[in-house]
Amino acid sequence: MLDFGDEFIVFNPLSWDAHLLNAAAAAVLDLLAEAPRSAAEVGAFLAEALQESERESASEHAAHLLEELNRLGLAQAADGDSFAHR
């Protein structure tokens, strides 16, 4: 992952695609690289990073972000409700 301030470039060696991620998506991808996480765990992680006014929607942000990372081939659904870095 290449860091360009508030944005990060991630290369997917399976598809040979490069993707530009915002800081939240890059942080979640790093989190998934440590171990598979449930959508609830990703939501809790994002809630800690979000401003207080945005914390109520952390679970929605997490679900959308996991869906997008999965669609890009950067994360995949693991067992049950968990997602893992590809």
N, C-alpha and C. Protein backbone atom coordinates (compact mmCIF):
# COMPACT_ATOMS: atom_id res chain seq x y z
N MET A 1 0.85 -1.16 0.00
CA MET A 1 0.00 0.00 0.00
C MET A 1 0.90 1.23 0.00
N LEU A 2 0.66 2.12 -0.94
CA LEU A 2 1.40 3.37 -1.03
C LEU A 2 0.58 4.49 -0.41
N ASP A 3 1.21 5.27 0.44
CA ASP A 3 0.55 6.34 1.19
C ASP A 3 0.75 7.68 0.48
N PHE A 4 -0.36 8.33 0.13
CA PHE A 4 -0.33 9.65 -0.47
C PHE A 4 -1.11 10.63 0.38
N GLY A 5 -0.81 10.68 1.67
CA GLY A 5 -1.51 11.58 2.57
C GLY A 5 -2.83 11.00 3.01
N ASP A 6 -3.92 11.54 2.47
CA ASP A 6 -5.26 11.07 2.82
C ASP A 6 -5.75 9.94 1.93
N GLU A 7 -4.96 9.55 0.95
CA GLU A 7 -5.34 8.48 0.03
C GLU A 7 -4.23 7.46 -0.08
N PHE A 8 -4.61 6.25 -0.43
CA PHE A 8 -3.67 5.14 -0.51
C PHE A 8 -3.92 4.37 -1.80
N ILE A 9 -2.85 3.93 -2.44
CA ILE A 9 -2.98 3.09 -3.62
C ILE A 9 -2.68 1.66 -3.20
N VAL A 10 -3.60 0.77 -3.56
CA VAL A 10 -3.47 -0.65 -3.24
C VAL A 10 -3.48 -1.42 -4.56
N PHE A 11 -2.54 -2.34 -4.70
CA PHE A 11 -2.45 -3.17 -5.89
C PHE A 11 -3.00 -4.55 -5.57
N ASN A 12 -3.89 -5.04 -6.41
CA ASN A 12 -4.45 -6.37 -6.26
C ASN A 12 -3.73 -7.30 -7.23
N PRO A 13 -2.85 -8.17 -6.74
CA PRO A 13 -2.07 -9.03 -7.64
C PRO A 13 -2.92 -10.08 -8.34
N LEU A 14 -4.11 -10.37 -7.84
CA LEU A 14 -4.98 -11.35 -8.49
C LEU A 14 -5.60 -10.78 -9.77
N SER A 15 -5.98 -9.52 -9.74
CA SER A 15 -6.63 -8.90 -10.90
C SER A 15 -5.72 -7.95 -11.66
N TRP A 16 -4.60 -7.61 -11.08
CA TRP A 16 -3.65 -6.64 -11.62
C TRP A 16 -4.27 -5.24 -11.67
N ASP A 17 -5.21 -4.98 -10.79
CA ASP A 17 -5.83 -3.66 -10.69
C ASP A 17 -5.23 -2.89 -9.53
N ALA A 18 -5.14 -1.59 -9.71
CA ALA A 18 -4.73 -0.69 -8.63
C ALA A 18 -5.97 0.09 -8.21
N HIS A 19 -6.11 0.31 -6.91
CA HIS A 19 -7.29 0.99 -6.38
C HIS A 19 -6.84 2.13 -5.47
N LEU A 20 -7.53 3.23 -5.55
CA LEU A 20 -7.29 4.39 -4.69
C LEU A 20 -8.28 4.32 -3.54
N LEU A 21 -7.77 4.21 -2.32
CA LEU A 21 -8.61 4.09 -1.13
C LEU A 21 -8.48 5.33 -0.26
N ASN A 22 -9.56 5.68 0.42
CA ASN A 22 -9.46 6.76 1.41
C ASN A 22 -8.85 6.17 2.69
N ALA A 23 -8.59 7.02 3.65
CA ALA A 23 -7.91 6.59 4.88
C ALA A 23 -8.71 5.54 5.64
N ALA A 24 -10.03 5.68 5.69
CA ALA A 24 -10.86 4.71 6.41
C ALA A 24 -10.79 3.34 5.76
N ALA A 25 -10.89 3.29 4.44
CA ALA A 25 -10.83 2.01 3.74
C ALA A 25 -9.46 1.35 3.92
N ALA A 26 -8.40 2.15 3.85
CA ALA A 26 -7.05 1.61 4.04
C ALA A 26 -6.88 1.07 5.46
N ALA A 27 -7.41 1.78 6.45
CA ALA A 27 -7.31 1.32 7.85
C ALA A 27 -8.07 0.02 8.05
N VAL A 28 -9.24 -0.10 7.44
CA VAL A 28 -10.02 -1.34 7.56
C VAL A 28 -9.30 -2.48 6.85
N LEU A 29 -8.71 -2.21 5.70
CA LEU A 29 -7.96 -3.25 4.99
C LEU A 29 -6.78 -3.73 5.84
N ASP A 30 -6.08 -2.81 6.49
CA ASP A 30 -4.99 -3.19 7.40
C ASP A 30 -5.53 -4.03 8.56
N LEU A 31 -6.68 -3.66 9.08
CA LEU A 31 -7.30 -4.40 10.18
C LEU A 31 -7.63 -5.82 9.74
N LEU A 32 -8.17 -5.97 8.53
CA LEU A 32 -8.51 -7.29 8.02
C LEU A 32 -7.26 -8.13 7.73
N ALA A 33 -6.15 -7.47 7.45
CA ALA A 33 -4.90 -8.20 7.20
C ALA A 33 -4.39 -8.85 8.48
N GLU A 34 -4.73 -8.28 9.64
CA GLU A 34 -4.31 -8.85 10.92
C GLU A 34 -5.06 -10.14 11.22
N ALA A 35 -6.37 -10.14 10.97
CA ALA A 35 -7.22 -11.30 11.25
C ALA A 35 -8.60 -11.04 10.66
N PRO A 36 -9.35 -12.10 10.33
CA PRO A 36 -10.72 -11.88 9.87
C PRO A 36 -11.54 -11.16 10.94
N ARG A 37 -12.44 -10.30 10.51
CA ARG A 37 -13.26 -9.50 11.43
C ARG A 37 -14.71 -9.54 10.96
N SER A 38 -15.61 -9.47 11.90
CA SER A 38 -17.03 -9.38 11.57
C SER A 38 -17.36 -7.94 11.21
N ALA A 39 -18.52 -7.76 10.59
CA ALA A 39 -18.97 -6.42 10.26
C ALA A 39 -19.15 -5.59 11.54
N ALA A 40 -19.59 -6.23 12.62
CA ALA A 40 -19.75 -5.53 13.89
C ALA A 40 -18.40 -5.06 14.43
N GLU A 41 -17.37 -5.89 14.30
CA GLU A 41 -16.03 -5.51 14.77
C GLU A 41 -15.48 -4.35 13.94
N VAL A 42 -15.72 -4.39 12.64
CA VAL A 42 -15.27 -3.29 11.78
C VAL A 42 -16.04 -2.02 12.13
N GLY A 43 -17.33 -2.16 12.42
CA GLY A 43 -18.12 -1.01 12.83
C GLY A 43 -17.60 -0.39 14.12
N ALA A 44 -17.24 -1.23 15.08
CA ALA A 44 -16.68 -0.73 16.35
C ALA A 44 -15.34 -0.03 16.11
N PHE A 45 -14.52 -0.60 15.23
CA PHE A 45 -13.24 0.00 14.88
C PHE A 45 -13.45 1.38 14.26
N LEU A 46 -14.39 1.48 13.33
CA LEU A 46 -14.66 2.76 12.68
C LEU A 46 -15.25 3.77 13.67
N ALA A 47 -16.09 3.30 14.58
CA ALA A 47 -16.71 4.20 15.56
C ALA A 47 -15.65 4.91 16.39
N GLU A 48 -14.57 4.22 16.70
CA GLU A 48 -13.48 4.84 17.47
C GLU A 48 -12.80 5.94 16.68
N ALA A 49 -12.77 5.82 15.36
CA ALA A 49 -12.06 6.78 14.51
C ALA A 49 -12.95 7.94 14.06
N LEU A 50 -14.26 7.74 14.08
CA LEU A 50 -15.18 8.76 13.58
C LEU A 50 -15.43 9.85 14.61
N GLN A 51 -15.85 10.99 14.12
CA GLN A 51 -16.26 12.06 15.02
C GLN A 51 -17.53 11.63 15.73
N GLU A 52 -17.76 12.18 16.90
CA GLU A 52 -18.89 11.78 17.73
C GLU A 52 -20.22 11.85 16.98
N SER A 53 -20.40 12.86 16.16
CA SER A 53 -21.65 13.02 15.42
C SER A 53 -21.87 11.94 14.37
N GLU A 54 -20.80 11.25 13.96
CA GLU A 54 -20.90 10.22 12.91
C GLU A 54 -20.92 8.80 13.48
N ARG A 55 -20.71 8.64 14.77
CA ARG A 55 -20.57 7.32 15.36
C ARG A 55 -21.82 6.45 15.24
N GLU A 56 -23.00 7.08 15.25
CA GLU A 56 -24.23 6.31 15.14
C GLU A 56 -24.31 5.54 13.83
N SER A 57 -23.70 6.06 12.79
CA SER A 57 -23.77 5.41 11.48
C SER A 57 -22.53 4.56 11.17
N ALA A 58 -21.73 4.26 12.18
CA ALA A 58 -20.50 3.48 11.96
C ALA A 58 -20.81 2.10 11.39
N SER A 59 -21.88 1.45 11.86
CA SER A 59 -22.18 0.11 11.35
C SER A 59 -22.60 0.17 9.88
N GLU A 60 -23.30 1.23 9.48
CA GLU A 60 -23.67 1.40 8.07
C GLU A 60 -22.42 1.64 7.23
N HIS A 61 -21.51 2.48 7.74
CA HIS A 61 -20.25 2.73 7.02
C HIS A 61 -19.47 1.43 6.87
N ALA A 62 -19.42 0.64 7.94
CA ALA A 62 -18.68 -0.63 7.91
C ALA A 62 -19.26 -1.58 6.87
N ALA A 63 -20.58 -1.72 6.85
CA ALA A 63 -21.22 -2.62 5.89
C ALA A 63 -20.94 -2.18 4.46
N HIS A 64 -21.06 -0.88 4.21
CA HIS A 64 -20.80 -0.35 2.86
C HIS A 64 -19.34 -0.55 2.47
N LEU A 65 -18.45 -0.27 3.40
CA LEU A 65 -17.01 -0.40 3.13
C LEU A 65 -16.63 -1.85 2.87
N LEU A 66 -17.13 -2.78 3.66
CA LEU A 66 -16.83 -4.20 3.46
C LEU A 66 -17.38 -4.69 2.12
N GLU A 67 -18.56 -4.23 1.77
CA GLU A 67 -19.15 -4.59 0.48
C GLU A 67 -18.27 -4.10 -0.67
N GLU A 68 -17.80 -2.85 -0.55
CA GLU A 68 -16.96 -2.27 -1.60
C GLU A 68 -15.60 -2.97 -1.69
N LEU A 69 -14.98 -3.26 -0.55
CA LEU A 69 -13.69 -3.97 -0.56
C LEU A 69 -13.86 -5.36 -1.15
N ASN A 70 -14.97 -6.00 -0.86
CA ASN A 70 -15.27 -7.32 -1.42
C ASN A 70 -15.45 -7.23 -2.93
N ARG A 71 -16.20 -6.21 -3.37
CA ARG A 71 -16.44 -6.02 -4.81
C ARG A 71 -15.13 -5.76 -5.57
N LEU A 72 -14.21 -5.04 -4.93
CA LEU A 72 -12.92 -4.74 -5.56
C LEU A 72 -11.96 -5.93 -5.52
N GLY A 73 -12.32 -6.97 -4.77
CA GLY A 73 -11.45 -8.14 -4.66
C GLY A 73 -10.34 -7.95 -3.66
N LEU A 74 -10.46 -6.96 -2.78
CA LEU A 74 -9.43 -6.71 -1.78
C LEU A 74 -9.72 -7.40 -0.45
N ALA A 75 -10.98 -7.77 -0.25
CA ALA A 75 -11.40 -8.51 0.95
C ALA A 75 -12.39 -9.56 0.48
N GLN A 76 -12.56 -10.56 1.30
CA GLN A 76 -13.53 -11.58 0.94
C GLN A 76 -14.25 -12.06 2.19
N ALA A 77 -15.47 -12.52 1.98
CA ALA A 77 -16.23 -13.07 3.10
C ALA A 77 -15.54 -14.36 3.53
N ALA A 78 -15.29 -14.45 4.81
CA ALA A 78 -14.65 -15.65 5.37
C ALA A 78 -15.77 -16.51 5.97
N ASP A 79 -15.51 -17.12 7.06
CA ASP A 79 -16.53 -17.98 7.68
C ASP A 79 -17.64 -17.15 8.31
N GLY A 80 -18.87 -17.50 8.02
CA GLY A 80 -20.01 -16.81 8.63
C GLY A 80 -20.09 -15.35 8.28
N ASP A 81 -19.99 -14.51 9.28
CA ASP A 81 -20.18 -13.07 9.17
C ASP A 81 -18.85 -12.33 9.05
N SER A 82 -17.74 -13.04 9.00
CA SER A 82 -16.42 -12.41 9.00
C SER A 82 -15.91 -12.11 7.60
N PHE A 83 -15.03 -11.11 7.54
CA PHE A 83 -14.36 -10.75 6.29
C PHE A 83 -12.86 -10.81 6.54
N ALA A 84 -12.12 -11.13 5.49
CA ALA A 84 -10.66 -11.22 5.60
C ALA A 84 -10.02 -10.49 4.42
N HIS A 85 -8.81 -10.07 4.61
CA HIS A 85 -8.00 -9.46 3.55
C HIS A 85 -7.68 -10.56 2.56
N ARG A 86 -7.70 -10.24 1.28
CA ARG A 86 -7.36 -11.22 0.25
C ARG A 86 -5.90 -11.29 0.05
